[in-house]
């Protein structure tokens, strides 16, 4: 029971980290699209 809960929580943490990276990438692309020169480095 405890092991399953730990696996479940670690999976949620990994998914949220991946989602954060994807969101940051999309924000950079959107900034570069709406504000040329600002998001592109």
N, C-alpha and C. Protein backbone atom coordinates (compact mmCIF):
# COMPACT_ATOMS: atom_id res chain seq x y z
N UNK A 1 0.84 -1.20 0.00
CA UNK A 1 0.00 0.00 0.00
C UNK A 1 0.88 1.25 0.00
N UNK A 2 1.85 1.30 0.91
CA UNK A 2 2.71 2.48 0.98
C UNK A 2 3.58 2.60 -0.25
N UNK A 3 4.08 1.47 -0.74
CA UNK A 3 4.96 1.49 -1.91
C UNK A 3 4.20 2.01 -3.14
N UNK A 4 2.95 1.54 -3.28
CA UNK A 4 2.14 2.00 -4.40
C UNK A 4 1.90 3.50 -4.33
N UNK A 5 1.65 3.98 -3.12
CA UNK A 5 1.39 5.42 -2.95
C UNK A 5 2.64 6.22 -3.31
N UNK A 6 3.82 5.71 -2.92
CA UNK A 6 5.06 6.41 -3.23
C UNK A 6 5.29 6.45 -4.74
N UNK A 7 5.06 5.31 -5.41
CA UNK A 7 5.21 5.27 -6.86
C UNK A 7 4.24 6.24 -7.52
N UNK A 8 3.02 6.28 -7.01
CA UNK A 8 2.00 7.16 -7.58
C UNK A 8 2.41 8.62 -7.43
N UNK A 9 2.90 9.00 -6.23
CA UNK A 9 3.29 10.39 -5.98
C UNK A 9 4.51 10.77 -6.81
N UNK A 10 5.48 9.85 -6.92
CA UNK A 10 6.68 10.17 -7.71
C UNK A 10 6.31 10.31 -9.19
N UNK A 11 5.34 9.53 -9.64
CA UNK A 11 4.88 9.66 -11.02
C UNK A 11 4.23 11.01 -11.26
N UNK A 12 3.44 11.47 -10.29
CA UNK A 12 2.80 12.79 -10.40
C UNK A 12 3.85 13.89 -10.44
N UNK A 13 4.87 13.75 -9.60
CA UNK A 13 5.94 14.76 -9.58
C UNK A 13 6.65 14.80 -10.93
N UNK A 14 6.95 13.62 -11.49
CA UNK A 14 7.64 13.58 -12.78
C UNK A 14 6.78 14.19 -13.87
N UNK A 15 5.49 13.89 -13.86
CA UNK A 15 4.58 14.44 -14.87
C UNK A 15 4.49 15.96 -14.75
N UNK A 16 4.40 16.46 -13.52
CA UNK A 16 4.28 17.91 -13.34
C UNK A 16 5.55 18.62 -13.78
N UNK A 17 6.72 17.97 -13.56
CA UNK A 17 7.97 18.58 -14.00
C UNK A 17 8.02 18.64 -15.52
N UNK A 18 7.59 17.56 -16.19
CA UNK A 18 7.56 17.56 -17.65
C UNK A 18 6.60 18.62 -18.17
N UNK A 19 5.45 18.74 -17.51
CA UNK A 19 4.46 19.73 -17.93
C UNK A 19 5.02 21.14 -17.77
N UNK A 20 5.76 21.38 -16.69
CA UNK A 20 6.35 22.70 -16.46
C UNK A 20 7.33 23.04 -17.57
N UNK A 21 8.16 22.06 -17.97
CA UNK A 21 9.14 22.30 -19.04
C UNK A 21 8.42 22.60 -20.35
N UNK A 22 7.38 21.84 -20.65
CA UNK A 22 6.63 22.06 -21.90
C UNK A 22 5.97 23.44 -21.89
N UNK A 23 5.37 23.81 -20.75
CA UNK A 23 4.70 25.11 -20.65
C UNK A 23 5.72 26.24 -20.83
N UNK A 24 6.90 26.10 -20.22
CA UNK A 24 7.92 27.14 -20.36
C UNK A 24 8.35 27.27 -21.81
N UNK A 25 8.50 26.14 -22.51
CA UNK A 25 8.88 26.19 -23.93
C UNK A 25 7.81 26.89 -24.74
N UNK A 26 6.53 26.55 -24.49
CA UNK A 26 5.44 27.17 -25.24
C UNK A 26 5.38 28.67 -24.96
N UNK A 27 5.63 29.07 -23.71
CA UNK A 27 5.63 30.50 -23.37
C UNK A 27 6.74 31.21 -24.14
N UNK A 28 7.92 30.59 -24.23
CA UNK A 28 9.02 31.21 -24.97
C UNK A 28 8.65 31.34 -26.44
N UNK A 29 8.01 30.31 -27.01
CA UNK A 29 7.61 30.37 -28.42
C UNK A 29 6.56 31.45 -28.62
N UNK A 30 5.60 31.54 -27.68
CA UNK A 30 4.55 32.55 -27.81
C UNK A 30 5.13 33.95 -27.68
N UNK A 31 6.07 34.14 -26.75
CA UNK A 31 6.70 35.45 -26.60
C UNK A 31 7.46 35.81 -27.87
N UNK A 32 8.16 34.84 -28.44
CA UNK A 32 8.90 35.10 -29.67
C UNK A 32 7.97 35.40 -30.83
N UNK A 33 6.75 34.83 -30.77
CA UNK A 33 5.80 35.05 -31.85
C UNK A 33 5.14 36.42 -31.73
N UNK A 34 4.69 36.76 -30.53
CA UNK A 34 3.98 38.03 -30.34
C UNK A 34 4.95 39.21 -30.19
N UNK A 35 6.12 38.94 -29.59
CA UNK A 35 7.11 40.01 -29.41
C UNK A 35 8.43 39.58 -30.02
N UNK A 36 8.60 39.79 -31.33
CA UNK A 36 9.83 39.36 -32.01
C UNK A 36 11.06 39.97 -31.36
N UNK A 37 12.09 39.14 -31.15
CA UNK A 37 13.33 39.60 -30.55
C UNK A 37 13.35 39.47 -29.04
N UNK A 38 12.16 39.28 -28.43
CA UNK A 38 12.11 39.19 -26.98
C UNK A 38 12.27 37.74 -26.51
N UNK A 39 11.58 36.82 -27.20
CA UNK A 39 11.63 35.42 -26.77
C UNK A 39 12.76 34.65 -27.42
N UNK A 40 13.30 35.15 -28.52
CA UNK A 40 14.37 34.42 -29.21
C UNK A 40 15.72 34.83 -28.65
N UNK A 41 16.46 33.83 -28.14
CA UNK A 41 17.77 34.12 -27.59
C UNK A 41 18.82 33.26 -28.30
